[in-house]
Amino acid sequence: MRDRFFYPLALAATVGMILLALVWPQGQGARSPAPFGHEPTTPAKTAGLRTTQ
């Protein structure tokens, strides 16, 4: 691949990843939306224990 095409594509990919990280901040206290986020797990949930009585 020629440098003339590679470097602009690499720059666009880098900027795109940075913008995606700004929109979906995982691990900063805010949950990500459905396709990117996940339910927080607790040790009790991992062990399969009931948390309510």
C-alpha atoms as a PDB file:
ATOM      1  CA  MET A   1       0.000   0.000   0.000  1.00  0.00           C
ATOM      2  CA  ARG A   2       1.350   3.381  -0.903  1.00  0.00           C
ATOM      3  CA  ASP A   3       2.174   5.889   1.833  1.00  0.00           C
ATOM      4  CA  ARG A   4      -0.098   8.385   0.138  1.00  0.00           C
ATOM      5  CA  PHE A   5      -3.119   6.239   1.081  1.00  0.00           C
ATOM      6  CA  PHE A   6      -1.901   4.543   4.246  1.00  0.00           C
ATOM      7  CA  TYR A   7      -1.144   7.582   6.406  1.00  0.00           C
ATOM      8  CA  PRO A   8      -4.464   9.386   5.822  1.00  0.00           C
ATOM      9  CA  LEU A   9      -6.305   6.121   6.554  1.00  0.00           C
ATOM     10  CA  ALA A  10      -4.269   5.575   9.718  1.00  0.00           C
ATOM     11  CA  LEU A  11      -4.972   9.150  10.821  1.00  0.00           C
ATOM     12  CA  ALA A  12      -8.717   8.741  10.169  1.00  0.00           C
ATOM     13  CA  ALA A  13      -8.770   5.473  12.123  1.00  0.00           C
ATOM     14  CA  THR A  14      -6.928   7.081  15.044  1.00  0.00           C
ATOM     15  CA  VAL A  15      -9.257  10.070  15.174  1.00  0.00           C
ATOM     16  CA  GLY A  16     -12.256   7.749  14.909  1.00  0.00           C
ATOM     17  CA  MET A  17     -11.096   5.638  17.855  1.00  0.00           C
ATOM     18  CA  ILE A  18     -10.460   8.727  19.973  1.00  0.00           C
ATOM     19  CA  LEU A  19     -13.924  10.107  19.171  1.00  0.00           C
ATOM     20  CA  LEU A  20     -15.514   6.745  19.982  1.00  0.00           C
ATOM     21  CA  ALA A  21     -13.723   6.697  23.335  1.00  0.00           C
ATOM     22  CA  LEU A  22     -15.036  10.174  24.107  1.00  0.00           C
ATOM     23  CA  VAL A  23     -18.620   9.201  23.292  1.00  0.00           C
ATOM     24  CA  TRP A  24     -18.620   5.871  25.153  1.00  0.00           C
ATOM     25  CA  PRO A  25     -16.585   6.383  28.357  1.00  0.00           C
ATOM     26  CA  GLN A  26     -16.411   2.887  29.877  1.00  0.00           C
ATOM     27  CA  GLY A  27     -14.951   2.768  33.357  1.00  0.00           C
ATOM     28  CA  GLN A  28     -15.426   6.444  34.206  1.00  0.00           C
ATOM     29  CA  GLY A  29     -18.505   5.886  36.356  1.00  0.00           C
ATOM     30  CA  ALA A  30     -20.970   6.033  33.475  1.00  0.00           C
ATOM     31  CA  ARG A  31     -22.410   2.896  31.906  1.00  0.00           C
ATOM     32  CA  SER A  32     -22.037   2.531  28.180  1.00  0.00           C
ATOM     33  CA  PRO A  33     -25.095   2.069  25.967  1.00  0.00           C
ATOM     34  CA  ALA A  34     -26.381  -1.413  25.065  1.00  0.00           C
ATOM     35  CA  PRO A  35     -24.035  -2.643  22.343  1.00  0.00           C
ATOM     36  CA  PHE A  36     -20.885  -1.576  24.184  1.00  0.00           C
ATOM     37  CA  GLY A  37     -21.769  -1.736  27.877  1.00  0.00           C
ATOM     38  CA  HIS A  38     -22.171  -4.681  30.213  1.00  0.00           C
ATOM     39  CA  GLU A  39     -23.813  -5.439  33.530  1.00  0.00           C
ATOM     40  CA  PRO A  40     -21.520  -4.898  36.495  1.00  0.00           C
ATOM     41  CA  THR A  41     -20.617  -8.201  38.123  1.00  0.00           C
ATOM     42  CA  THR A  42     -20.268  -8.807  41.821  1.00  0.00           C
ATOM     43  CA  PRO A  43     -18.565 -11.729  43.545  1.00  0.00           C
ATOM     44  CA  ALA A  44     -21.976 -13.027  44.661  1.00  0.00           C
ATOM     45  CA  LYS A  45     -23.326 -12.865  41.112  1.00  0.00           C
ATOM     46  CA  THR A  46     -20.234 -14.627  39.785  1.00  0.00           C
ATOM     47  CA  ALA A  47     -20.608 -17.406  42.354  1.00  0.00           C
ATOM     48  CA  GLY A  48     -24.300 -17.804  41.500  1.00  0.00           C
ATOM     49  CA  LEU A  49     -25.550 -16.808  44.929  1.00  0.00           C
ATOM     50  CA  ARG A  50     -28.826 -15.025  45.554  1.00  0.00           C
ATOM     51  CA  THR A  51     -28.360 -11.435  46.695  1.00  0.00           C
ATOM     52  CA  THR A  52     -31.947 -10.876  47.932  1.00  0.00           C
ATOM     53  CA  GLN A  53     -33.665 -12.759  50.721  1.00  0.00           C
END
